[in-house]
Protein backbone atom coordinates (compact mmCIF):
# COMPACT_ATOMS: atom_id res chain seq x y z
CA MET A 1 24.15 -20.97 5.52
CA THR A 2 20.33 -20.35 6.75
CA SER A 3 21.05 -22.12 10.21
CA THR A 4 22.13 -18.97 11.76
CA ARG A 5 18.85 -17.18 10.48
CA THR A 6 15.48 -16.94 12.07
CA ALA A 7 12.58 -18.74 9.57
CA GLU A 8 11.24 -15.27 9.46
CA GLU A 9 15.21 -13.87 7.99
CA VAL A 10 15.18 -16.91 5.40
CA ARG A 11 11.79 -16.47 4.24
CA ALA A 12 12.50 -12.55 4.07
CA ALA A 13 15.67 -13.11 2.12
CA LEU A 14 13.58 -15.24 -0.08
CA THR A 15 11.07 -13.05 -0.94
CA GLY A 16 13.85 -10.83 -1.20
CA GLY A 17 15.81 -12.43 -4.17
CA LEU A 18 12.68 -12.94 -5.70
CA ALA A 19 12.61 -9.33 -6.11
CA ALA A 20 15.81 -9.04 -7.40
CA ALA A 21 15.57 -11.70 -10.02
CA ILE A 22 12.34 -10.14 -11.18
CA ALA A 23 13.73 -6.36 -10.82
CA ASP A 24 16.44 -8.55 -12.97
CA LYS A 25 14.59 -10.19 -15.62
CA GLY A 26 11.07 -10.17 -15.30
CA TYR A 27 8.73 -12.99 -13.10
CA ALA A 28 7.70 -15.19 -15.93
CA ALA A 29 11.28 -15.85 -16.51
CA THR A 30 12.47 -16.11 -13.47
CA THR A 31 13.19 -19.60 -12.09
CA ILE A 32 13.55 -20.69 -8.73
CA ALA A 33 17.29 -21.39 -8.90
CA ASP A 34 17.36 -17.20 -9.71
CA VAL A 35 15.34 -17.22 -6.42
CA VAL A 36 17.43 -18.69 -4.41
CA MET A 37 20.63 -17.58 -6.11
CA HIS A 38 19.82 -14.03 -4.66
CA ALA A 39 18.59 -15.43 -1.06
CA ARG A 40 22.26 -17.46 -0.99
CA VAL A 41 20.17 -20.38 -0.06
CA SER A 42 19.45 -23.78 -1.64
CA LYS A 43 16.47 -24.83 -3.54
CA ARG A 44 15.36 -27.53 -1.01
CA THR A 45 15.27 -23.93 1.72
CA PHE A 46 13.17 -22.46 -0.77
CA TYR A 47 10.91 -25.78 -0.69
CA GLU A 48 10.62 -25.61 3.12
CA HIS A 49 9.13 -21.94 2.92
CA PHE A 50 6.55 -21.97 0.01
CA THR A 51 5.45 -24.08 -2.54
CA ASP A 52 5.96 -22.49 -5.89
CA LYS A 53 6.67 -18.69 -7.44
CA GLU A 54 3.69 -18.08 -6.68
CA ALA A 55 3.26 -18.49 -3.36
CA CYS A 56 6.67 -16.46 -2.98
CA LEU A 57 5.55 -13.99 -4.81
CA MET A 58 2.70 -13.43 -2.96
CA ALA A 59 4.30 -12.69 0.46
CA LEU A 60 6.51 -10.65 -1.34
CA TYR A 61 3.43 -8.57 -2.52
CA GLU A 62 1.80 -8.77 1.12
CA GLN A 63 4.37 -7.82 2.65
CA GLY A 64 5.27 -4.43 0.51
CA CYS A 65 1.74 -4.20 0.28
CA VAL A 66 1.72 -3.76 4.56
CA HIS A 67 4.68 -1.76 4.84
CA LEU A 68 2.87 0.79 2.93
CA LEU A 69 0.06 0.41 4.54
CA ALA A 70 1.81 1.29 7.73
CA VAL A 71 4.09 3.67 5.64
CA VAL A 72 0.83 5.79 5.36
CA ARG A 73 -0.96 5.02 8.71
CA SER A 74 1.54 6.59 10.75
CA ALA A 75 2.72 9.77 8.36
CA ALA A 76 -0.83 10.65 7.80
CA THR A 77 -1.82 10.33 11.79
CA SER A 78 1.19 12.44 13.15
CA THR A 79 -0.04 15.21 11.42
CA ASP A 80 -2.21 17.96 13.39
CA ARG A 81 -5.78 17.81 11.92
CA SER A 82 -7.24 20.66 12.83
CA GLY A 83 -8.61 23.59 10.31
CA ASP A 84 -8.44 23.14 6.73
CA ALA A 85 -4.91 23.06 6.40
CA GLY A 86 -4.50 21.04 8.77
CA TRP A 87 -6.45 17.81 6.86
CA LYS A 88 -4.48 19.13 3.78
CA ALA A 89 -1.27 18.48 5.87
CA MET A 90 -2.22 14.84 6.40
CA VAL A 91 -3.30 14.31 2.86
CA ASN A 92 0.09 15.38 1.37
CA ASP A 93 2.50 13.79 4.43
CA GLY A 94 0.61 10.92 3.53
CA VAL A 95 1.39 10.60 -0.11
CA THR A 96 4.71 12.23 0.32
CA ALA A 97 5.48 9.52 2.44
CA TYR A 98 4.10 6.65 0.12
CA LEU A 99 5.35 7.34 -3.03
CA ASN A 100 9.30 7.99 -0.30
CA ALA A 101 8.35 4.36 0.70
CA LEU A 102 7.50 3.19 -3.12
CA GLU A 103 10.79 5.09 -4.33
CA SER A 104 12.81 2.88 -1.83
CA MET A 105 12.27 -0.38 -3.18
CA PRO A 106 12.39 -0.27 -6.66
CA ALA A 107 13.45 -3.97 -6.62
CA VAL A 108 9.97 -4.86 -5.03
CA THR A 109 7.94 -1.85 -6.83
CA ARG A 110 7.81 -3.48 -10.21
CA THR A 111 6.24 -6.61 -8.26
CA LEU A 112 3.59 -4.55 -6.60
CA LEU A 113 2.50 -1.72 -9.85
CA VAL A 114 2.52 -4.53 -12.96
CA GLU A 115 4.03 -8.74 -12.02
CA ILE A 116 1.00 -9.64 -9.72
CA GLN A 117 -1.45 -8.52 -12.29
CA ALA A 118 -0.38 -11.51 -14.45
CA ALA A 119 0.48 -14.12 -12.45
CA GLY A 120 -2.41 -16.17 -12.14
CA PRO A 121 -5.79 -16.21 -9.85
CA LYS A 122 -4.96 -16.65 -6.52
CA ALA A 123 -2.19 -13.56 -7.32
CA TYR A 124 -5.43 -11.41 -8.34
CA ARG A 125 -7.70 -11.98 -5.44
CA LEU A 126 -5.00 -11.37 -3.42
CA ARG A 127 -3.74 -7.80 -5.31
CA GLN A 128 -8.17 -6.69 -4.54
CA GLN A 129 -7.81 -7.95 -1.25
CA MET A 130 -4.73 -5.93 -0.85
CA GLN A 131 -6.47 -2.83 -2.61
CA ARG A 132 -9.45 -2.75 -0.57
CA ARG A 133 -7.12 -2.38 2.37
CA PHE A 134 -5.41 0.03 1.16
CA ALA A 135 -8.89 1.49 0.85
CA ASP A 136 -9.79 1.21 3.95
CA THR A 137 -7.05 2.52 5.53
CA LEU A 138 -7.56 5.84 4.07
CA VAL A 139 -11.06 6.00 5.36
CA GLU A 140 -9.77 5.35 8.40
CA VAL A 141 -7.51 8.01 8.27
CA VAL A 142 -9.86 10.64 6.93
CA ASP A 143 -12.78 9.24 9.60
CA ALA A 144 -9.89 9.49 12.47
CA ALA A 145 -9.56 13.20 11.58
CA ARG A 146 -12.91 13.99 11.35
CA ALA A 147 -13.39 12.71 15.23
CA ALA A 148 -10.94 15.48 15.74
CA ASP A 149 -12.22 18.13 13.37
CA PRO A 150 -15.28 17.40 11.81
CA ALA A 151 -15.00 19.66 9.30
CA ILE A 152 -12.43 17.26 7.84
CA PRO A 153 -14.75 16.08 4.58
CA GLU A 154 -15.74 12.42 4.41
CA LEU A 155 -14.66 9.71 2.50
CA SER A 156 -16.39 7.41 0.89
CA GLN A 157 -15.13 3.15 0.39
CA LEU A 158 -15.92 3.62 -3.03
CA LEU A 159 -14.35 6.50 -3.36
CA ALA A 160 -11.53 5.62 -1.83
CA ILE A 161 -10.98 1.99 -4.00
CA ALA A 162 -10.89 4.64 -6.80
CA LEU A 163 -8.99 7.02 -5.68
CA VAL A 164 -5.98 4.04 -4.96
CA GLY A 165 -6.52 3.03 -8.48
CA GLY A 166 -5.99 6.08 -10.08
CA VAL A 167 -2.92 6.52 -8.38
CA HIS A 168 -1.84 2.92 -9.27
CA GLU A 169 -2.65 4.40 -12.43
CA MET A 170 -0.84 7.72 -12.24
CA MET A 171 2.60 5.87 -11.76
CA LEU A 172 2.05 3.41 -14.60
CA GLN A 173 1.96 6.56 -16.91
CA VAL A 174 4.84 8.85 -16.13
CA SER A 175 7.01 5.95 -15.30
CA ASP A 176 8.14 2.75 -17.02
CA PRO A 177 8.54 -0.20 -14.24
CA TYR A 178 10.56 -2.59 -16.52
CA THR A 179 12.71 -0.04 -16.93
CA GLY A 180 12.65 2.44 -14.56
CA ALA A 181 12.57 5.55 -16.86
CA GLY A 182 10.88 8.27 -17.04
CA PRO A 183 10.11 10.90 -13.49
CA SER A 184 10.34 9.59 -10.00
CA PHE A 185 7.48 8.76 -7.96
CA THR A 186 7.75 11.61 -6.15
CA SER A 187 7.31 13.75 -8.36
CA LEU A 188 3.53 13.17 -8.53
CA ALA A 189 2.91 14.20 -4.95
CA PRO A 190 1.37 17.37 -6.43
CA ALA A 191 -1.15 15.54 -8.87
CA VAL A 192 -1.44 13.06 -6.30
CA ASP A 193 -2.44 15.78 -3.22
CA GLU A 194 -4.64 17.24 -6.16
CA LEU A 195 -6.81 13.91 -6.25
CA VAL A 196 -7.39 13.75 -3.36
CA TYR A 197 -8.55 17.05 -2.60
CA ALA A 198 -10.73 16.98 -5.25
CA ILE A 199 -11.86 13.74 -4.42
CA LEU A 200 -12.83 14.98 -0.96
CA THR A 201 -14.04 18.72 -1.48
CA ASN A 202 -16.23 16.87 -4.03
CA PRO A 203 -20.14 17.54 -2.59
CA TRP A 204 -21.71 14.07 -3.41
CA SER A 205 -18.37 12.19 -2.94
CA ALA A 206 -19.46 11.24 0.51
CA GLY A 207 -22.85 9.53 -0.56
CA MET A 208 -21.30 7.30 -2.57
CA GLU A 209 -21.70 3.82 -0.86
């Protein structure tokens, strides 16, 4: 029954149903029937909220990204950024929170890492947009830290985009998002920290635009 749920709750149930179905059989093999079965709603209800499976996938992807952005921003900005140890703690807290969040939602992670890339041109453009938002968030976090401590290195948007892509590829290299096999994402924290430190401390990084 959906009458006691708000429209927002029904949409969340549908995107969650899609995530569960993708985890079971992949996006290509998933049907609307699979989605509504997991969400416990009717097909009619599905079409009241989404035009098709791709629209539901894009909503799922955007929800996951927005959640991760909020997690990173909250963790990084809650750190005392004064001095060299301060900005490194900021990086560590942001990276740890991001990887922990990915680890906590395995049904969504496969969509974020793999399925969105093969879902069509609209999904591709959404992925580009969200990748830029991740990069912009990293630049904003570093800029806020620099306001408190100008000794913190600057991060250009171009290198922030490269950083986002690099972390994404690291996750794909160590873990199979189709089966869940391989090390946990949280085990990547030291390597991701090292990557961020290397970019921020590179003497020519601020000049990359």
